[in-house]
Amino acid sequence: MWRLVVPATLAAAGTISMAVAIYHERRMHLHRQPGVTYAQATFRRDGAWRRADIFMPDGLRHQRQASLFGVTGALLWVLSLIIYAMLPFLAR
């Protein structure tokens, strides 16, 4: 039972990280340049990444934070899955 604590903790930390990423993503869209719609900023091939013509400086700061927490959350989830999948081999 105690062996499930590590993957569960990593998964929970990943979920919290993803929630923070979503928060920053929402905040990013509050700092679009005047006249730029949500669709224009979101549905782009480049994702409007680091585009000062689409986002104001505060929006770009939130974009960096969203990326950082999103990637961190995904890595924590993958690590949690790997450790969970290895549990039968670690029990020996």
PDB file of N, CA and C in Angstrom:
ATOM      1  N   MET A   1       0.816  -1.198   0.000  1.00  0.00           N
ATOM      2  CA  MET A   1       0.000   0.000   0.000  1.00  0.00           C
ATOM      3  C   MET A   1       0.861   1.264   0.000  1.00  0.00           C
ATOM      4  N   TRP A   2       1.926   1.265   0.760  1.00  0.00           N
ATOM      5  CA  TRP A   2       2.763   2.460   0.857  1.00  0.00           C
ATOM      6  C   TRP A   2       3.475   2.750  -0.452  1.00  0.00           C
ATOM      7  N   ARG A   3       3.594   1.755  -1.330  1.00  0.00           N
ATOM      8  CA  ARG A   3       4.272   1.964  -2.609  1.00  0.00           C
ATOM      9  C   ARG A   3       3.442   2.792  -3.572  1.00  0.00           C
ATOM     10  N   LEU A   4       2.175   2.901  -3.328  1.00  0.00           N
ATOM     11  CA  LEU A   4       1.326   3.738  -4.174  1.00  0.00           C
ATOM     12  C   LEU A   4       1.424   5.217  -3.811  1.00  0.00           C
ATOM     13  N   VAL A   5       2.039   5.504  -2.673  1.00  0.00           N
ATOM     14  CA  VAL A   5       2.121   6.884  -2.207  1.00  0.00           C
ATOM     15  C   VAL A   5       2.970   7.735  -3.159  1.00  0.00           C
ATOM     16  N   VAL A   6       4.087   7.221  -3.614  1.00  0.00           N
ATOM     17  CA  VAL A   6       4.978   8.003  -4.480  1.00  0.00           C
ATOM     18  C   VAL A   6       4.304   8.344  -5.809  1.00  0.00           C
ATOM     19  N   PRO A   7       3.771   7.356  -6.558  1.00  0.00           N
ATOM     20  CA  PRO A   7       3.121   7.744  -7.814  1.00  0.00           C
ATOM     21  C   PRO A   7       1.893   8.630  -7.609  1.00  0.00           C
ATOM     22  N   ALA A   8       1.151   8.390  -6.536  1.00  0.00           N
ATOM     23  CA  ALA A   8      -0.028   9.220  -6.270  1.00  0.00           C
ATOM     24  C   ALA A   8       0.374  10.657  -5.937  1.00  0.00           C
ATOM     25  N   THR A   9       1.450  10.804  -5.188  1.00  0.00           N
ATOM     26  CA  THR A   9       1.934  12.137  -4.851  1.00  0.00           C
ATOM     27  C   THR A   9       2.432  12.867  -6.094  1.00  0.00           C
ATOM     28  N   LEU A  10       3.161  12.157  -6.957  1.00  0.00           N
ATOM     29  CA  LEU A  10       3.627  12.765  -8.200  1.00  0.00           C
ATOM     30  C   LEU A  10       2.454  13.158  -9.094  1.00  0.00           C
ATOM     31  N   ALA A  11       1.450  12.299  -9.172  1.00  0.00           N
ATOM     32  CA  ALA A  11       0.275  12.605  -9.990  1.00  0.00           C
ATOM     33  C   ALA A  11      -0.483  13.813  -9.432  1.00  0.00           C
ATOM     34  N   ALA A  12      -0.590  13.891  -8.119  1.00  0.00           N
ATOM     35  CA  ALA A  12      -1.261  15.037  -7.497  1.00  0.00           C
ATOM     36  C   ALA A  12      -0.476  16.323  -7.744  1.00  0.00           C
ATOM     37  N   ALA A  13       0.841  16.260  -7.639  1.00  0.00           N
ATOM     38  CA  ALA A  13       1.670  17.433  -7.917  1.00  0.00           C
ATOM     39  C   ALA A  13       1.538  17.844  -9.380  1.00  0.00           C
ATOM     40  N   GLY A  14       1.448  16.866 -10.283  1.00  0.00           N
ATOM     41  CA  GLY A  14       1.234  17.164 -11.694  1.00  0.00           C
ATOM     42  C   GLY A  14      -0.103  17.837 -11.939  1.00  0.00           C
ATOM     43  N   THR A  15      -1.118  17.393 -11.230  1.00  0.00           N
ATOM     44  CA  THR A  15      -2.446  17.984 -11.372  1.00  0.00           C
ATOM     45  C   THR A  15      -2.456  19.423 -10.881  1.00  0.00           C
ATOM     46  N   ILE A  16      -1.789  19.678  -9.770  1.00  0.00           N
ATOM     47  CA  ILE A  16      -1.694  21.051  -9.255  1.00  0.00           C
ATOM     48  C   ILE A  16      -0.925  21.921 -10.242  1.00  0.00           C
ATOM     49  N   SER A  17       0.151  21.389 -10.789  1.00  0.00           N
ATOM     50  CA  SER A  17       0.937  22.142 -11.770  1.00  0.00           C
ATOM     51  C   SER A  17       0.093  22.471 -13.001  1.00  0.00           C
ATOM     52  N   MET A  18      -0.705  21.523 -13.455  1.00  0.00           N
ATOM     53  CA  MET A  18      -1.580  21.776 -14.603  1.00  0.00           C
ATOM     54  C   MET A  18      -2.644  22.825 -14.276  1.00  0.00           C
ATOM     55  N   ALA A  19      -3.150  22.813 -13.062  1.00  0.00           N
ATOM     56  CA  ALA A  19      -4.133  23.819 -12.663  1.00  0.00           C
ATOM     57  C   ALA A  19      -3.509  25.215 -12.686  1.00  0.00           C
ATOM     58  N   VAL A  20      -2.272  25.333 -12.237  1.00  0.00           N
ATOM     59  CA  VAL A  20      -1.572  26.616 -12.284  1.00  0.00           C
ATOM     60  C   VAL A  20      -1.328  27.029 -13.740  1.00  0.00           C
ATOM     61  N   ALA A  21      -1.012  26.064 -14.598  1.00  0.00           N
ATOM     62  CA  ALA A  21      -0.811  26.356 -16.018  1.00  0.00           C
ATOM     63  C   ALA A  21      -2.095  26.894 -16.648  1.00  0.00           C
ATOM     64  N   ILE A  22      -3.219  26.296 -16.310  1.00  0.00           N
ATOM     65  CA  ILE A  22      -4.509  26.754 -16.833  1.00  0.00           C
ATOM     66  C   ILE A  22      -4.817  28.162 -16.332  1.00  0.00           C
ATOM     67  N   TYR A  23      -4.507  28.417 -15.067  1.00  0.00           N
ATOM     68  CA  TYR A  23      -4.700  29.759 -14.503  1.00  0.00           C
ATOM     69  C   TYR A  23      -3.915  30.791 -15.316  1.00  0.00           C
ATOM     70  N   HIS A  24      -2.643  30.516 -15.582  1.00  0.00           N
ATOM     71  CA  HIS A  24      -1.818  31.462 -16.335  1.00  0.00           C
ATOM     72  C   HIS A  24      -2.276  31.571 -17.788  1.00  0.00           C
ATOM     73  N   GLU A  25      -2.758  30.489 -18.350  1.00  0.00           N
ATOM     74  CA  GLU A  25      -3.286  30.527 -19.717  1.00  0.00           C
ATOM     75  C   GLU A  25      -4.495  31.465 -19.790  1.00  0.00           C
ATOM     76  N   ARG A  26      -5.376  31.365 -18.822  1.00  0.00           N
ATOM     77  CA  ARG A  26      -6.550  32.243 -18.793  1.00  0.00           C
ATOM     78  C   ARG A  26      -6.124  33.699 -18.587  1.00  0.00           C
ATOM     79  N   ARG A  27      -5.163  33.921 -17.684  1.00  0.00           N
ATOM     80  CA  ARG A  27      -4.675  35.287 -17.423  1.00  0.00           C
ATOM     81  C   ARG A  27      -3.990  35.866 -18.660  1.00  0.00           C
ATOM     82  N   MET A  28      -3.299  35.012 -19.409  1.00  0.00           N
ATOM     83  CA  MET A  28      -2.613  35.448 -20.620  1.00  0.00           C
ATOM     84  C   MET A  28      -3.602  36.103 -21.577  1.00  0.00           C
ATOM     85  N   HIS A  29      -4.776  35.516 -21.712  1.00  0.00           N
ATOM     86  CA  HIS A  29      -5.754  36.034 -22.666  1.00  0.00           C
ATOM     87  C   HIS A  29      -6.394  37.340 -22.201  1.00  0.00           C
ATOM     88  N   LEU A  30      -6.240  37.676 -20.948  1.00  0.00           N
ATOM     89  CA  LEU A  30      -6.717  38.978 -20.490  1.00  0.00           C
ATOM     90  C   LEU A  30      -5.788  40.101 -20.956  1.00  0.00           C
ATOM     91  N   HIS A  31      -4.600  39.750 -21.414  1.00  0.00           N
ATOM     92  CA  HIS A  31      -3.594  40.731 -21.817  1.00  0.00           C
ATOM     93  C   HIS A  31      -3.306  40.664 -23.314  1.00  0.00           C
ATOM     94  N   ARG A  32      -4.350  40.448 -24.113  1.00  0.00           N
ATOM     95  CA  ARG A  32      -4.188  40.501 -25.565  1.00  0.00           C
ATOM     96  C   ARG A  32      -4.121  41.961 -25.996  1.00  0.00           C
ATOM     97  N   GLN A  33      -3.465  42.182 -27.109  1.00  0.00           N
ATOM     98  CA  GLN A  33      -3.434  43.532 -27.672  1.00  0.00           C
ATOM     99  C   GLN A  33      -4.851  43.932 -28.067  1.00  0.00           C
ATOM    100  N   PRO A  34      -5.160  45.221 -28.038  1.00  0.00           N
ATOM    101  CA  PRO A  34      -6.507  45.661 -28.434  1.00  0.00           C
ATOM    102  C   PRO A  34      -6.832  45.215 -29.861  1.00  0.00           C
ATOM    103  N   GLY A  35      -8.017  44.683 -30.023  1.00  0.00           N
ATOM    104  CA  GLY A  35      -8.481  44.247 -31.330  1.00  0.00           C
ATOM    105  C   GLY A  35      -8.167  42.797 -31.676  1.00  0.00           C
ATOM    106  N   VAL A  36      -7.363  42.121 -30.860  1.00  0.00           N
ATOM    107  CA  VAL A  36      -7.031  40.713 -31.107  1.00  0.00           C
ATOM    108  C   VAL A  36      -8.062  39.857 -30.383  1.00  0.00           C
ATOM    109  N   THR A  37      -8.750  39.000 -31.124  1.00  0.00           N
ATOM    110  CA  THR A  37      -9.773  38.149 -30.520  1.00  0.00           C
ATOM    111  C   THR A  37      -9.140  36.890 -29.938  1.00  0.00           C
ATOM    112  N   TYR A  38      -9.922  36.188 -29.144  1.00  0.00           N
ATOM    113  CA  TYR A  38      -9.476  34.918 -28.565  1.00  0.00           C
ATOM    114  C   TYR A  38      -9.124  33.927 -29.673  1.00  0.00           C
ATOM    115  N   ALA A  39      -9.969  33.869 -30.694  1.00  0.00           N
ATOM    116  CA  ALA A  39      -9.732  32.936 -31.802  1.00  0.00           C
ATOM    117  C   ALA A  39      -8.455  33.283 -32.559  1.00  0.00           C
ATOM    118  N   GLN A  40      -8.204  34.561 -32.775  1.00  0.00           N
ATOM    119  CA  GLN A  40      -6.988  34.963 -33.481  1.00  0.00           C
ATOM    120  C   GLN A  40      -5.728  34.601 -32.686  1.00  0.00           C
ATOM    121  N   ALA A  41      -5.818  34.659 -31.375  1.00  0.00           N
ATOM    122  CA  ALA A  41      -4.656  34.353 -30.535  1.00  0.00           C
ATOM    123  C   ALA A  41      -4.497  32.863 -30.293  1.00  0.00           C
ATOM    124  N   THR A  42      -5.568  32.097 -30.378  1.00  0.00           N
ATOM    125  CA  THR A  42      -5.518  30.686 -30.011  1.00  0.00           C
ATOM    126  C   THR A  42      -5.340  29.766 -31.211  1.00  0.00           C
ATOM    127  N   PHE A  43      -6.107  29.973 -32.261  1.00  0.00           N
ATOM    128  CA  PHE A  43      -6.121  29.045 -33.395  1.00  0.00           C
ATOM    129  C   PHE A  43      -5.101  29.445 -34.451  1.00  0.00           C
ATOM    130  N   ARG A  44      -3.839  29.411 -34.079  1.00  0.00           N
ATOM    131  CA  ARG A  44      -2.749  29.754 -34.984  1.00  0.00           C
ATOM    132  C   ARG A  44      -1.801  28.572 -35.054  1.00  0.00           C
ATOM    133  N   ARG A  45      -1.124  28.443 -36.153  1.00  0.00           N
ATOM    134  CA  ARG A  45      -0.145  27.346 -36.284  1.00  0.00           C
ATOM    135  C   ARG A  45       0.986  27.511 -35.290  1.00  0.00           C
ATOM    136  N   ASP A  46       1.409  28.749 -35.044  1.00  0.00           N
ATOM    137  CA  ASP A  46       2.507  28.985 -34.121  1.00  0.00           C
ATOM    138  C   ASP A  46       2.029  29.132 -32.681  1.00  0.00           C
ATOM    139  N   GLY A  47       0.729  29.079 -32.442  1.00  0.00           N
ATOM    140  CA  GLY A  47       0.191  29.191 -31.093  1.00  0.00           C
ATOM    141  C   GLY A  47       0.367  30.560 -30.483  1.00  0.00           C
ATOM    142  N   ALA A  48       0.735  31.551 -31.300  1.00  0.00           N
ATOM    143  CA  ALA A  48       0.978  32.926 -30.832  1.00  0.00           C
ATOM    144  C   ALA A  48       2.108  32.964 -29.814  1.00  0.00           C
ATOM    145  N   TRP A  49       3.025  32.031 -29.945  1.00  0.00           N
ATOM    146  CA  TRP A  49       4.120  31.924 -28.989  1.00  0.00           C
ATOM    147  C   TRP A  49       5.072  33.113 -29.121  1.00  0.00           C
ATOM    148  N   ARG A  50       5.240  33.839 -28.043  1.00  0.00           N
ATOM    149  CA  ARG A  50       6.157  34.976 -27.948  1.00  0.00           C
ATOM    150  C   ARG A  50       5.891  36.028 -29.010  1.00  0.00           C
ATOM    151  N   ARG A  51       4.621  36.300 -29.244  1.00  0.00           N
ATOM    152  CA  ARG A  51       4.232  37.270 -30.261  1.00  0.00           C
ATOM    153  C   ARG A  51       3.783  38.556 -29.578  1.00  0.00           C
ATOM    154  N   ALA A  52       4.644  39.558 -29.615  1.00  0.00           N
ATOM    155  CA  ALA A  52       4.331  40.843 -28.986  1.00  0.00           C
ATOM    156  C   ALA A  52       3.240  41.585 -29.745  1.00  0.00           C
ATOM    157  N   ASP A  53       2.981  41.210 -31.005  1.00  0.00           N
ATOM    158  CA  ASP A  53       1.900  41.855 -31.739  1.00  0.00           C
ATOM    159  C   ASP A  53       0.537  41.292 -31.335  1.00  0.00           C
ATOM    160  N   ILE A  54       0.529  40.195 -30.579  1.00  0.00           N
ATOM    161  CA  ILE A  54      -0.729  39.598 -30.125  1.00  0.00           C
ATOM    162  C   ILE A  54      -0.955  39.818 -28.633  1.00  0.00           C
ATOM    163  N   PHE A  55       0.112  39.704 -27.841  1.00  0.00           N
ATOM    164  CA  PHE A  55      -0.009  39.851 -26.392  1.00  0.00           C
ATOM    165  C   PHE A  55       0.843  41.006 -25.878  1.00  0.00           C
ATOM    166  N   MET A  56       0.339  41.652 -24.842  1.00  0.00           N
ATOM    167  CA  MET A  56       1.115  42.680 -24.160  1.00  0.00           C
ATOM    168  C   MET A  56       2.184  41.995 -23.301  1.00  0.00           C
ATOM    169  N   PRO A  57       3.141  42.738 -22.763  1.00  0.00           N
ATOM    170  CA  PRO A  57       4.208  42.115 -21.965  1.00  0.00           C
ATOM    171  C   PRO A  57       3.697  41.250 -20.809  1.00  0.00           C
ATOM    172  N   ASP A  58       2.650  41.686 -20.139  1.00  0.00           N
ATOM    173  CA  ASP A  58       2.094  40.861 -19.053  1.00  0.00           C
ATOM    174  C   ASP A  58       1.533  39.548 -19.588  1.00  0.00           C
ATOM    175  N   GLY A  59       0.916  39.594 -20.752  1.00  0.00           N
ATOM    176  CA  GLY A  59       0.396  38.375 -21.369  1.00  0.00           C
ATOM    177  C   GLY A  59       1.508  37.411 -21.740  1.00  0.00           C
ATOM    178  N   LEU A  60       2.620  37.948 -22.236  1.00  0.00           N
ATOM    179  CA  LEU A  60       3.760  37.098 -22.578  1.00  0.00           C
ATOM    180  C   LEU A  60       4.376  36.480 -21.327  1.00  0.00           C
ATOM    181  N   ARG A  61       4.367  37.222 -20.220  1.00  0.00           N
ATOM    182  CA  ARG A  61       4.868  36.672 -18.953  1.00  0.00           C
ATOM    183  C   ARG A  61       3.983  35.512 -18.496  1.00  0.00           C
ATOM    184  N   HIS A  62       2.674  35.691 -18.598  1.00  0.00           N
ATOM    185  CA  HIS A  62       1.756  34.600 -18.244  1.00  0.00           C
ATOM    186  C   HIS A  62       1.921  33.421 -19.196  1.00  0.00           C
ATOM    187  N   GLN A  63       2.218  33.693 -20.465  1.00  0.00           N
ATOM    188  CA  GLN A  63       2.433  32.631 -21.430  1.00  0.00           C
ATOM    189  C   GLN A  63       3.639  31.778 -21.033  1.00  0.00           C
ATOM    190  N   ARG A  64       4.724  32.418 -20.600  1.00  0.00           N
ATOM    191  CA  ARG A  64       5.918  31.674 -20.161  1.00  0.00           C
ATOM    192  C   ARG A  64       5.607  30.829 -18.933  1.00  0.00           C
ATOM    193  N   GLN A  65       4.850  31.396 -17.997  1.00  0.00           N
ATOM    194  CA  GLN A  65       4.502  30.655 -16.791  1.00  0.00           C
ATOM    195  C   GLN A  65       3.595  29.468 -17.116  1.00  0.00           C
ATOM    196  N   ALA A  66       2.645  29.675 -18.014  1.00  0.00           N
ATOM    197  CA  ALA A  66       1.752  28.580 -18.413  1.00  0.00           C
ATOM    198  C   ALA A  66       2.544  27.452 -19.046  1.00  0.00           C
ATOM    199  N   SER A  67       3.497  27.802 -19.869  1.00  0.00           N
ATOM    200  CA  SER A  67       4.326  26.782 -20.516  1.00  0.00           C
ATOM    201  C   SER A  67       5.156  26.025 -19.487  1.00  0.00           C
ATOM    202  N   LEU A  68       5.783  26.748 -18.586  1.00  0.00           N
ATOM    203  CA  LEU A  68       6.616  26.118 -17.561  1.00  0.00           C
ATOM    204  C   LEU A  68       5.814  25.133 -16.716  1.00  0.00           C
ATOM    205  N   PHE A  69       4.668  25.569 -16.209  1.00  0.00           N
ATOM    206  CA  PHE A  69       3.866  24.706 -15.353  1.00  0.00           C
ATOM    207  C   PHE A  69       3.202  23.581 -16.134  1.00  0.00           C
ATOM    208  N   GLY A  70       2.835  23.827 -17.388  1.00  0.00           N
ATOM    209  CA  GLY A  70       2.238  22.776 -18.205  1.00  0.00           C
ATOM    210  C   GLY A  70       3.213  21.650 -18.499  1.00  0.00           C
ATOM    211  N   VAL A  71       4.428  22.004 -18.890  1.00  0.00           N
ATOM    212  CA  VAL A  71       5.443  20.984 -19.171  1.00  0.00           C
ATOM    213  C   VAL A  71       5.825  20.245 -17.890  1.00  0.00           C
ATOM    214  N   THR A  72       5.957  20.973 -16.795  1.00  0.00           N
ATOM    215  CA  THR A  72       6.278  20.338 -15.514  1.00  0.00           C
ATOM    216  C   THR A  72       5.186  19.357 -15.105  1.00  0.00           C
ATOM    217  N   GLY A  73       3.928  19.756 -15.241  1.00  0.00           N
ATOM    218  CA  GLY A  73       2.819  18.869 -14.903  1.00  0.00           C
ATOM    219  C   GLY A  73       2.801  17.621 -15.751  1.00  0.00           C
ATOM    220  N   ALA A  74       3.042  17.775 -17.050  1.00  0.00           N
ATOM    221  CA  ALA A  74       3.070  16.613 -17.945  1.00  0.00           C
ATOM    222  C   ALA A  74       4.209  15.663 -17.569  1.00  0.00           C
ATOM    223  N   LEU A  75       5.369  16.221 -17.262  1.00  0.00           N
ATOM    224  CA  LEU A  75       6.500  15.372 -16.859  1.00  0.00           C
ATOM    225  C   LEU A  75       6.219  14.636 -15.551  1.00  0.00           C
ATOM    226  N   LEU A  76       5.572  15.302 -14.623  1.00  0.00           N
ATOM    227  CA  LEU A  76       5.222  14.643 -13.360  1.00  0.00           C
ATOM    228  C   LEU A  76       4.227  13.509 -13.591  1.00  0.00           C
ATOM    229  N   TRP A  77       3.258  13.722 -14.473  1.00  0.00           N
ATOM    230  CA  TRP A  77       2.297  12.657 -14.784  1.00  0.00           C
ATOM    231  C   TRP A  77       2.984  11.464 -15.438  1.00  0.00           C
ATOM    232  N   VAL A  78       3.888  11.729 -16.375  1.00  0.00           N
ATOM    233  CA  VAL A  78       4.597  10.637 -17.046  1.00  0.00           C
ATOM    234  C   VAL A  78       5.477   9.887 -16.048  1.00  0.00           C
ATOM    235  N   LEU A  79       6.172  10.625 -15.199  1.00  0.00           N
ATOM    236  CA  LEU A  79       7.007   9.984 -14.185  1.00  0.00           C
ATOM    237  C   LEU A  79       6.163   9.143 -13.237  1.00  0.00           C
ATOM    238  N   SER A  80       5.015   9.642 -12.861  1.00  0.00           N
ATOM    239  CA  SER A  80       4.102   8.891 -11.997  1.00  0.00           C
ATOM    240  C   SER A  80       3.662   7.592 -12.666  1.00  0.00           C
ATOM    241  N   LEU A  81       3.338   7.656 -13.948  1.00  0.00           N
ATOM    242  CA  LEU A  81       2.936   6.457 -14.678  1.00  0.00           C
ATOM    243  C   LEU A  81       4.077   5.442 -14.780  1.00  0.00           C
ATOM    244  N   ILE A  82       5.280   5.933 -15.029  1.00  0.00           N
ATOM    245  CA  ILE A  82       6.428   5.034 -15.129  1.00  0.00           C
ATOM    246  C   ILE A  82       6.670   4.328 -13.802  1.00  0.00           C
ATOM    247  N   ILE A  83       6.645   5.072 -12.715  1.00  0.00           N
ATOM    248  CA  ILE A  83       6.864   4.466 -11.401  1.00  0.00           C
ATOM    249  C   ILE A  83       5.748   3.489 -11.078  1.00  0.00           C
ATOM    250  N   TYR A  84       4.506   3.854 -11.402  1.00  0.00           N
ATOM    251  CA  TYR A  84       3.379   2.950 -11.147  1.00  0.00           C
ATOM    252  C   TYR A  84       3.522   1.656 -11.953  1.00  0.00           C
ATOM    253  N   ALA A  85       3.965   1.777 -13.203  1.00  0.00           N
ATOM    254  CA  ALA A  85       4.145   0.592 -14.044  1.00  0.00           C
ATOM    255  C   ALA A  85       5.296  -0.288 -13.550  1.00  0.00           C
ATOM    256  N   MET A  86       6.254   0.301 -12.862  1.00  0.00           N
ATOM    257  CA  MET A  86       7.398  -0.451 -12.350  1.00  0.00           C
ATOM    258  C   MET A  86       7.138  -1.103 -10.997  1.00  0.00           C
ATOM    259  N   LEU A  87       6.028  -0.783 -10.367  1.00  0.00           N
ATOM    260  CA  LEU A  87       5.743  -1.319  -9.020  1.00  0.00           C
ATOM    261  C   LEU A  87       5.828  -2.841  -8.929  1.00  0.00           C
ATOM    262  N   PRO A  88       5.284  -3.596  -9.889  1.00  0.00           N
ATOM    263  CA  PRO A  88       5.403  -5.057  -9.765  1.00  0.00           C
ATOM    264  C   PRO A  88       6.869  -5.529  -9.777  1.00  0.00           C
ATOM    265  N   PHE A  89       7.713  -4.818 -10.489  1.00  0.00           N
ATOM    266  CA  PHE A  89       9.118  -5.219 -10.542  1.00  0.00           C
ATOM    267  C   PHE A  89       9.882  -4.787  -9.304  1.00  0.00           C
ATOM    268  N   LEU A  90       9.419  -3.711  -8.679  1.00  0.00           N
ATOM    269  CA  LEU A  90      10.073  -3.232  -7.471  1.00  0.00           C
ATOM    270  C   LEU A  90       9.654  -4.029  -6.245  1.00  0.00           C
ATOM    271  N   ALA A  91       8.538  -4.757  -6.335  1.00  0.00           N
ATOM    272  CA  ALA A  91       8.029  -5.523  -5.189  1.00  0.00           C
ATOM    273  C   ALA A  91       8.833  -6.791  -4.930  1.00  0.00           C
ATOM    274  N   ARG A  92       9.649  -7.194  -5.856  1.00  0.00           N
ATOM    275  CA  ARG A  92      10.410  -8.431  -5.702  1.00  0.00           C
ATOM    276  C   ARG A  92      11.519  -8.330  -4.734  1.00  0.00           C
TER     277      ARG A  92
END
